[in-house]
Amino acid sequence: MSTAQNKAIALEFYQAFDNGSVEQAKKIIAANFTAHTTGASSPLDFDGFYV
């Protein structure tokens, strides 16, 4: 995947998430996604991120 393609996918995810389109955001990221967020005591998995 090219850098441009990767950037386009990342932008699509953030736009969907920012617009509250959780179902669209879920279609973009991988099922084994791990979120490392500020303030979380541990990383969040796919399901934990969307709670």
PDB file of N, CA and C in Angstrom:
ATOM      1  N   MET A   1       0.852  -1.165   0.000  1.00  0.00           N
ATOM      2  CA  MET A   1       0.000   0.000   0.000  1.00  0.00           C
ATOM      3  C   MET A   1       0.902   1.235   0.000  1.00  0.00           C
ATOM      4  N   SER A   2       0.558   2.200  -0.818  1.00  0.00           N
ATOM      5  CA  SER A   2       1.365   3.419  -0.900  1.00  0.00           C
ATOM      6  C   SER A   2       1.064   4.337   0.286  1.00  0.00           C
ATOM      7  N   THR A   3       1.943   5.282   0.498  1.00  0.00           N
ATOM      8  CA  THR A   3       1.735   6.264   1.557  1.00  0.00           C
ATOM      9  C   THR A   3       0.448   7.044   1.313  1.00  0.00           C
ATOM     10  N   ALA A   4       0.190   7.405   0.070  1.00  0.00           N
ATOM     11  CA  ALA A   4      -1.026   8.152  -0.264  1.00  0.00           C
ATOM     12  C   ALA A   4      -2.283   7.335   0.042  1.00  0.00           C
ATOM     13  N   GLN A   5      -2.254   6.037  -0.276  1.00  0.00           N
ATOM     14  CA  GLN A   5      -3.403   5.169   0.020  1.00  0.00           C
ATOM     15  C   GLN A   5      -3.603   5.051   1.527  1.00  0.00           C
ATOM     16  N   ASN A   6      -2.511   4.897   2.270  1.00  0.00           N
ATOM     17  CA  ASN A   6      -2.585   4.783   3.718  1.00  0.00           C
ATOM     18  C   ASN A   6      -3.164   6.058   4.332  1.00  0.00           C
ATOM     19  N   LYS A   7      -2.714   7.206   3.856  1.00  0.00           N
ATOM     20  CA  LYS A   7      -3.233   8.482   4.353  1.00  0.00           C
ATOM     21  C   LYS A   7      -4.721   8.620   4.060  1.00  0.00           C
ATOM     22  N   ALA A   8      -5.148   8.200   2.877  1.00  0.00           N
ATOM     23  CA  ALA A   8      -6.560   8.299   2.498  1.00  0.00           C
ATOM     24  C   ALA A   8      -7.431   7.437   3.406  1.00  0.00           C
ATOM     25  N   ILE A   9      -6.966   6.251   3.734  1.00  0.00           N
ATOM     26  CA  ILE A   9      -7.719   5.358   4.621  1.00  0.00           C
ATOM     27  C   ILE A   9      -7.777   5.934   6.029  1.00  0.00           C
ATOM     28  N   ALA A  10      -6.651   6.449   6.518  1.00  0.00           N
ATOM     29  CA  ALA A  10      -6.627   7.051   7.851  1.00  0.00           C
ATOM     30  C   ALA A  10      -7.573   8.245   7.915  1.00  0.00           C
ATOM     31  N   LEU A  11      -7.561   9.085   6.896  1.00  0.00           N
ATOM     32  CA  LEU A  11      -8.448  10.244   6.855  1.00  0.00           C
ATOM     33  C   LEU A  11      -9.910   9.813   6.825  1.00  0.00           C
ATOM     34  N   GLU A  12     -10.216   8.789   6.044  1.00  0.00           N
ATOM     35  CA  GLU A  12     -11.590   8.278   5.975  1.00  0.00           C
ATOM     36  C   GLU A  12     -12.053   7.788   7.349  1.00  0.00           C
ATOM     37  N   PHE A  13     -11.176   7.089   8.075  1.00  0.00           N
ATOM     38  CA  PHE A  13     -11.515   6.608   9.416  1.00  0.00           C
ATOM     39  C   PHE A  13     -11.806   7.776  10.346  1.00  0.00           C
ATOM     40  N   TYR A  14     -10.903   8.752  10.398  1.00  0.00           N
ATOM     41  CA  TYR A  14     -11.084   9.887  11.307  1.00  0.00           C
ATOM     42  C   TYR A  14     -12.322  10.699  10.959  1.00  0.00           C
ATOM     43  N   GLN A  15     -12.618  10.860   9.685  1.00  0.00           N
ATOM     44  CA  GLN A  15     -13.825  11.587   9.289  1.00  0.00           C
ATOM     45  C   GLN A  15     -15.077  10.832   9.727  1.00  0.00           C
ATOM     46  N   ALA A  16     -15.096   9.530   9.534  1.00  0.00           N
ATOM     47  CA  ALA A  16     -16.247   8.720   9.953  1.00  0.00           C
ATOM     48  C   ALA A  16     -16.417   8.786  11.464  1.00  0.00           C
ATOM     49  N   PHE A  17     -15.318   8.644  12.194  1.00  0.00           N
ATOM     50  CA  PHE A  17     -15.366   8.675  13.658  1.00  0.00           C
ATOM     51  C   PHE A  17     -15.827  10.048  14.145  1.00  0.00           C
ATOM     52  N   ASP A  18     -15.262  11.112  13.585  1.00  0.00           N
ATOM     53  CA  ASP A  18     -15.630  12.470  13.988  1.00  0.00           C
ATOM     54  C   ASP A  18     -17.086  12.791  13.688  1.00  0.00           C
ATOM     55  N   ASN A  19     -17.625  12.211  12.630  1.00  0.00           N
ATOM     56  CA  ASN A  19     -19.018  12.451  12.251  1.00  0.00           C
ATOM     57  C   ASN A  19     -19.997  11.538  12.974  1.00  0.00           C
ATOM     58  N   GLY A  20     -19.487  10.677  13.849  1.00  0.00           N
ATOM     59  CA  GLY A  20     -20.348   9.770  14.592  1.00  0.00           C
ATOM     60  C   GLY A  20     -20.791   8.555  13.806  1.00  0.00           C
ATOM     61  N   SER A  21     -20.149   8.298  12.681  1.00  0.00           N
ATOM     62  CA  SER A  21     -20.487   7.145  11.844  1.00  0.00           C
ATOM     63  C   SER A  21     -19.687   5.930  12.308  1.00  0.00           C
ATOM     64  N   VAL A  22     -20.044   5.430  13.480  1.00  0.00           N
ATOM     65  CA  VAL A  22     -19.295   4.332  14.091  1.00  0.00           C
ATOM     66  C   VAL A  22     -19.297   3.099  13.205  1.00  0.00           C
ATOM     67  N   GLU A  23     -20.414   2.783  12.596  1.00  0.00           N
ATOM     68  CA  GLU A  23     -20.480   1.589  11.742  1.00  0.00           C
ATOM     69  C   GLU A  23     -19.530   1.716  10.557  1.00  0.00           C
ATOM     70  N   GLN A  24     -19.431   2.906   9.978  1.00  0.00           N
ATOM     71  CA  GLN A  24     -18.493   3.115   8.870  1.00  0.00           C
ATOM     72  C   GLN A  24     -17.055   2.998   9.370  1.00  0.00           C
ATOM     73  N   ALA A  25     -16.764   3.572  10.524  1.00  0.00           N
ATOM     74  CA  ALA A  25     -15.416   3.491  11.089  1.00  0.00           C
ATOM     75  C   ALA A  25     -15.031   2.035  11.353  1.00  0.00           C
ATOM     76  N   LYS A  26     -15.975   1.238  11.843  1.00  0.00           N
ATOM     77  CA  LYS A  26     -15.709  -0.177  12.112  1.00  0.00           C
ATOM     78  C   LYS A  26     -15.368  -0.946  10.842  1.00  0.00           C
ATOM     79  N   LYS A  27     -15.922  -0.525   9.703  1.00  0.00           N
ATOM     80  CA  LYS A  27     -15.644  -1.200   8.435  1.00  0.00           C
ATOM     81  C   LYS A  27     -14.231  -0.915   7.937  1.00  0.00           C
ATOM     82  N   ILE A  28     -13.642   0.170   8.408  1.00  0.00           N
ATOM     83  CA  ILE A  28     -12.343   0.601   7.913  1.00  0.00           C
ATOM     84  C   ILE A  28     -11.187  -0.052   8.660  1.00  0.00           C
ATOM     85  N   ILE A  29     -11.319  -0.221   9.974  1.00  0.00           N
ATOM     86  CA  ILE A  29     -10.188  -0.734  10.752  1.00  0.00           C
ATOM     87  C   ILE A  29     -10.234  -2.255  10.869  1.00  0.00           C
ATOM     88  N   ALA A  30      -9.092  -2.828  11.143  1.00  0.00           N
ATOM     89  CA  ALA A  30      -8.962  -4.283  11.250  1.00  0.00           C
ATOM     90  C   ALA A  30      -9.551  -4.792  12.559  1.00  0.00           C
ATOM     91  N   ALA A  31     -10.003  -6.032  12.554  1.00  0.00           N
ATOM     92  CA  ALA A  31     -10.585  -6.649  13.747  1.00  0.00           C
ATOM     93  C   ALA A  31      -9.560  -6.792  14.870  1.00  0.00           C
ATOM     94  N   ASN A  32      -8.266  -6.838  14.526  1.00  0.00           N
ATOM     95  CA  ASN A  32      -7.233  -6.969  15.561  1.00  0.00           C
ATOM     96  C   ASN A  32      -6.639  -5.610  15.943  1.00  0.00           C
ATOM     97  N   PHE A  33      -7.371  -4.550  15.665  1.00  0.00           N
ATOM     98  CA  PHE A  33      -7.004  -3.173  15.994  1.00  0.00           C
ATOM     99  C   PHE A  33      -6.758  -3.030  17.490  1.00  0.00           C
ATOM    100  N   THR A  34      -5.738  -2.270  17.863  1.00  0.00           N
ATOM    101  CA  THR A  34      -5.456  -1.951  19.256  1.00  0.00           C
ATOM    102  C   THR A  34      -5.276  -0.449  19.372  1.00  0.00           C
ATOM    103  N   ALA A  35      -6.023   0.178  20.277  1.00  0.00           N
ATOM    104  CA  ALA A  35      -5.937   1.625  20.483  1.00  0.00           C
ATOM    105  C   ALA A  35      -5.130   1.907  21.739  1.00  0.00           C
ATOM    106  N   HIS A  36      -4.131   2.746  21.599  1.00  0.00           N
ATOM    107  CA  HIS A  36      -3.328   3.210  22.728  1.00  0.00           C
ATOM    108  C   HIS A  36      -3.717   4.668  22.944  1.00  0.00           C
ATOM    109  N   THR A  37      -4.600   4.906  23.912  1.00  0.00           N
ATOM    110  CA  THR A  37      -5.134   6.247  24.111  1.00  0.00           C
ATOM    111  C   THR A  37      -4.673   6.850  25.425  1.00  0.00           C
ATOM    112  N   THR A  38      -4.538   8.155  25.424  1.00  0.00           N
ATOM    113  CA  THR A  38      -4.156   8.881  26.624  1.00  0.00           C
ATOM    114  C   THR A  38      -5.225   8.701  27.687  1.00  0.00           C
ATOM    115  N   GLY A  39      -4.809   8.402  28.895  1.00  0.00           N
ATOM    116  CA  GLY A  39      -5.730   8.267  30.005  1.00  0.00           C
ATOM    117  C   GLY A  39      -6.279   6.868  30.221  1.00  0.00           C
ATOM    118  N   ALA A  40      -6.104   5.976  29.258  1.00  0.00           N
ATOM    119  CA  ALA A  40      -6.572   4.594  29.421  1.00  0.00           C
ATOM    120  C   ALA A  40      -5.529   3.822  30.223  1.00  0.00           C
ATOM    121  N   SER A  41      -5.977   2.986  31.124  1.00  0.00           N
ATOM    122  CA  SER A  41      -5.045   2.219  31.952  1.00  0.00           C
ATOM    123  C   SER A  41      -4.341   1.122  31.167  1.00  0.00           C
ATOM    124  N   SER A  42      -4.943   0.695  30.063  1.00  0.00           N
ATOM    125  CA  SER A  42      -4.330  -0.314  29.203  1.00  0.00           C
ATOM    126  C   SER A  42      -4.862  -0.118  27.780  1.00  0.00           C
ATOM    127  N   PRO A  43      -4.190  -0.702  26.789  1.00  0.00           N
ATOM    128  CA  PRO A  43      -4.672  -0.573  25.408  1.00  0.00           C
ATOM    129  C   PRO A  43      -6.076  -1.157  25.255  1.00  0.00           C
ATOM    130  N   LEU A  44      -6.824  -0.618  24.309  1.00  0.00           N
ATOM    131  CA  LEU A  44      -8.184  -1.080  24.045  1.00  0.00           C
ATOM    132  C   LEU A  44      -8.220  -1.905  22.773  1.00  0.00           C
ATOM    133  N   ASP A  45      -8.968  -3.013  22.823  1.00  0.00           N
ATOM    134  CA  ASP A  45      -9.138  -3.813  21.616  1.00  0.00           C
ATOM    135  C   ASP A  45     -10.281  -3.230  20.788  1.00  0.00           C
ATOM    136  N   PHE A  46     -10.597  -3.878  19.689  1.00  0.00           N
ATOM    137  CA  PHE A  46     -11.623  -3.406  18.753  1.00  0.00           C
ATOM    138  C   PHE A  46     -12.934  -3.102  19.467  1.00  0.00           C
ATOM    139  N   ASP A  47     -13.433  -4.048  20.257  1.00  0.00           N
ATOM    140  CA  ASP A  47     -14.718  -3.866  20.933  1.00  0.00           C
ATOM    141  C   ASP A  47     -14.630  -2.840  22.058  1.00  0.00           C
ATOM    142  N   GLY A  48     -13.536  -2.849  22.802  1.00  0.00           N
ATOM    143  CA  GLY A  48     -13.369  -1.908  23.899  1.00  0.00           C
ATOM    144  C   GLY A  48     -13.289  -0.466  23.439  1.00  0.00           C
ATOM    145  N   PHE A  49     -12.766  -0.258  22.257  1.00  0.00           N
ATOM    146  CA  PHE A  49     -12.624   1.090  21.712  1.00  0.00           C
ATOM    147  C   PHE A  49     -13.982   1.709  21.414  1.00  0.00           C
ATOM    148  N   TYR A  50     -14.959   0.898  21.062  1.00  0.00           N
ATOM    149  CA  TYR A  50     -16.268   1.398  20.657  1.00  0.00           C
ATOM    150  C   TYR A  50     -17.321   1.332  21.750  1.00  0.00           C
ATOM    151  N   VAL A  51     -16.925   1.140  22.980  1.00  0.00           N
ATOM    152  CA  VAL A  51     -17.895   1.099  24.083  1.00  0.00           C
ATOM    153  C   VAL A  51     -18.260   2.497  24.494  1.00  0.00           C
TER     154      VAL A  51
END
